Amino acid sequence: MSLPYKISTLVYLHNAAGELLLLQRRKSPNEGLWSPIGGKLEMGTGESPFEAARRETLEETGLEVADHDLHLFAMIAEKNYEHRCHWLMFLFNCRKLITELPPEMDEGSFAFHDPAQIMHLPIPETDRESLWPVYFQHRDGFVSLRADCTPGQPLQIVTEQQLHGTGTNH
């Protein structure tokens, strides 16, 4: 079965207290669930993952970030997500702190969450099984993963490459 391939970014933002900024989505995919900010690359303009992460951060939160504020810590290829598409996702840990809660927008509303509570929130299953563990384990390094997300089958995740970071944990 041939499915479209979508390329996106996720950006993990923190405040001075170490809480993570999450968006409770009002739209599909993942309506009603909490997730980091992000969005699809503008393929027609040749937008890079870093450019998309900067643009999405500004559009969704009003926070201006530079490339050096962003640490690419993961690349994840998800096959057969909800029988609708394949995703190639670039995950960024933002080193610039966000100082205030962004206003609500069409896509949803924001809240800060203690990292220890993330796994207790309503979050997408693939985020619970792959994205958040990757964030907690690799946010200062780098990992490349592929995941088979075929509905009705156990999520299968394969690590393709892993580099350990030397920075500090948030």
Protein backbone atom coordinates (compact mmCIF):
# COMPACT_ATOMS: atom_id res chain seq x y z
CA MET A 1 0.00 0.00 0.00
CA SER A 2 1.39 3.38 -1.03
CA LEU A 3 0.82 6.17 1.49
CA PRO A 4 1.89 9.84 1.47
CA TYR A 5 5.07 10.73 3.35
CA LYS A 6 4.87 13.80 5.60
CA ILE A 7 7.86 15.55 7.17
CA SER A 8 7.49 17.46 10.43
CA THR A 9 9.23 18.92 13.43
CA LEU A 10 8.45 18.80 17.14
CA VAL A 11 9.95 21.39 19.47
CA TYR A 12 10.26 20.76 23.21
CA LEU A 13 10.16 24.10 25.06
CA HIS A 14 10.82 24.69 28.78
CA ASN A 15 10.26 27.50 31.25
CA ALA A 16 12.67 28.55 34.03
CA ALA A 17 11.02 26.06 36.44
CA GLY A 18 11.91 23.19 34.07
CA GLU A 19 8.30 22.60 33.05
CA LEU A 20 7.53 21.63 29.46
CA LEU A 21 5.16 23.60 27.27
CA LEU A 22 2.51 21.38 25.69
CA LEU A 23 -0.40 22.04 23.37
CA GLN A 24 -3.76 20.34 23.91
CA ARG A 25 -4.83 19.81 20.32
CA ARG A 26 -8.27 20.82 19.04
CA LYS A 27 -7.78 19.18 15.64
CA SER A 28 -6.88 15.83 14.16
CA PRO A 29 -4.47 14.15 14.41
CA ASN A 30 -4.47 13.65 18.17
CA GLU A 31 -7.50 15.82 18.96
CA GLY A 32 -7.85 16.39 22.72
CA LEU A 33 -4.36 15.07 23.46
CA TRP A 34 -1.27 16.92 24.72
CA SER A 35 1.85 17.23 22.56
CA PRO A 36 4.87 19.46 22.00
CA ILE A 37 4.52 22.22 19.42
CA GLY A 38 5.52 21.65 15.83
CA GLY A 39 4.26 21.14 12.35
CA LYS A 40 4.93 20.07 8.81
CA LEU A 41 7.78 21.40 6.71
CA GLU A 42 6.82 23.72 3.87
CA MET A 43 8.03 21.38 1.14
CA GLY A 44 7.25 23.76 -1.72
CA THR A 45 9.77 26.29 -0.42
CA GLY A 46 12.45 23.70 0.41
CA GLU A 47 12.21 24.54 4.11
CA SER A 48 14.77 22.71 6.28
CA PRO A 49 13.85 21.05 9.59
CA PHE A 50 15.64 23.86 11.50
CA GLU A 51 13.78 26.52 9.51
CA ALA A 52 10.47 24.75 10.19
CA ALA A 53 11.25 24.44 13.92
CA ARG A 54 12.05 28.17 14.12
CA ARG A 55 8.94 29.12 12.13
CA GLU A 56 6.60 26.85 14.09
CA THR A 57 8.01 28.10 17.42
CA LEU A 58 7.42 31.71 16.40
CA GLU A 59 3.96 31.05 14.90
CA GLU A 60 2.68 28.97 17.79
CA THR A 61 4.31 30.65 20.80
CA GLY A 62 5.67 34.04 19.69
CA LEU A 63 9.16 32.99 20.83
CA GLU A 64 11.95 33.82 18.37
CA VAL A 65 14.70 31.22 18.32
CA ALA A 66 17.92 30.86 16.33
CA ASP A 67 19.50 27.67 15.04
CA HIS A 68 21.92 27.63 17.98
CA ASP A 69 18.92 27.61 20.39
CA LEU A 70 17.77 24.30 18.90
CA HIS A 71 19.36 20.91 19.52
CA LEU A 72 18.28 18.20 17.07
CA PHE A 73 18.15 15.14 19.31
CA ALA A 74 16.10 12.66 17.28
CA MET A 75 14.93 11.69 13.84
CA ILE A 76 12.05 9.22 13.75
CA ALA A 77 10.50 7.56 10.70
CA GLU A 78 7.00 6.29 11.51
CA LYS A 79 5.51 3.88 8.98
CA ASN A 80 1.76 3.50 8.44
CA TYR A 81 0.52 5.97 11.07
CA GLU A 82 -3.24 5.36 11.48
CA HIS A 83 -3.26 3.77 7.95
CA ARG A 84 -3.11 7.38 6.67
CA CYS A 85 0.52 8.29 6.04
CA HIS A 86 4.16 7.84 6.92
CA TRP A 87 5.91 10.50 9.04
CA LEU A 88 9.53 11.61 9.16
CA MET A 89 9.87 13.68 12.32
CA PHE A 90 12.76 15.82 13.52
CA LEU A 91 12.71 16.41 17.29
CA PHE A 92 14.35 19.51 18.76
CA ASN A 93 15.10 20.42 22.36
CA CYS A 94 14.96 24.22 22.61
CA ARG A 95 17.68 25.66 24.84
CA LYS A 96 16.08 29.12 24.97
CA LEU A 97 13.58 29.34 27.81
CA ILE A 98 10.00 30.40 27.19
CA THR A 99 8.98 32.98 29.78
CA GLU A 100 5.19 33.01 29.52
CA LEU A 101 2.27 30.86 28.48
CA PRO A 102 1.29 31.57 24.86
CA PRO A 103 -2.33 32.55 24.17
CA GLU A 104 -4.84 30.02 22.86
CA MET A 105 -4.94 29.52 19.10
CA ASP A 106 -7.01 27.63 16.53
CA GLU A 107 -4.97 24.46 17.03
CA GLY A 108 -5.46 24.36 20.80
CA SER A 109 -4.50 25.72 24.19
CA PHE A 110 -1.21 25.64 26.08
CA ALA A 111 -0.13 24.64 29.56
CA PHE A 112 3.17 24.02 31.35
CA HIS A 113 3.65 20.51 32.75
CA ASP A 114 6.14 19.01 35.16
CA PRO A 115 8.22 16.43 33.25
CA ALA A 116 7.41 13.82 35.92
CA GLN A 117 3.70 14.14 35.07
CA ILE A 118 3.94 13.86 31.26
CA MET A 119 3.30 10.11 31.14
CA HIS A 120 0.12 10.61 33.24
CA LEU A 121 -1.42 13.04 30.74
CA PRO A 122 -3.66 12.09 27.83
CA ILE A 123 -1.01 11.84 25.10
CA PRO A 124 -0.91 9.90 21.81
CA GLU A 125 0.03 6.22 22.17
CA THR A 126 3.05 6.58 19.87
CA ASP A 127 4.23 9.57 21.94
CA ARG A 128 3.88 7.52 25.13
CA GLU A 129 5.73 4.52 23.70
CA SER A 130 8.37 6.25 21.61
CA LEU A 131 8.61 10.06 21.54
CA TRP A 132 8.61 10.81 25.27
CA PRO A 133 11.02 7.97 26.19
CA VAL A 134 13.29 9.25 23.39
CA TYR A 135 13.08 12.79 24.78
CA PHE A 136 13.85 11.72 28.35
CA GLN A 137 16.75 9.48 27.31
CA HIS A 138 18.32 11.30 24.34
CA ARG A 139 17.52 15.04 24.57
CA ASP A 140 21.22 15.88 25.03
CA GLY A 141 22.51 13.40 22.43
CA PHE A 142 21.12 12.09 19.16
CA VAL A 143 19.16 9.03 18.09
CA SER A 144 17.68 7.88 14.80
CA LEU A 145 14.71 5.52 15.01
CA ARG A 146 12.19 3.84 12.79
CA ALA A 147 8.80 2.71 14.02
CA ASP A 148 6.14 0.50 12.50
CA CYS A 149 2.88 2.08 13.64
CA THR A 150 0.52 -0.27 11.80
CA PRO A 151 -2.79 -0.10 13.69
CA GLY A 152 -3.79 -3.34 15.38
CA GLN A 153 -0.20 -4.53 15.69
CA PRO A 154 2.30 -3.93 18.50
CA LEU A 155 4.38 -0.80 17.99
CA GLN A 156 7.81 -1.88 16.78
CA ILE A 157 10.68 0.57 17.26
CA VAL A 158 14.20 0.03 15.95
CA THR A 159 17.18 2.20 16.91
CA GLU A 160 19.25 2.90 13.80
CA GLN A 161 21.91 5.15 15.35
CA GLN A 162 22.62 6.56 18.80
CA LEU A 163 25.11 9.17 19.98
CA HIS A 164 25.39 10.20 23.61
CA GLY A 165 25.31 13.86 24.54
CA THR A 166 27.74 15.77 26.67
CA GLY A 167 25.38 18.60 27.68
CA THR A 168 23.38 19.02 30.83
CA ASN A 169 19.92 17.60 31.36
CA HIS A 170 16.92 19.90 31.77
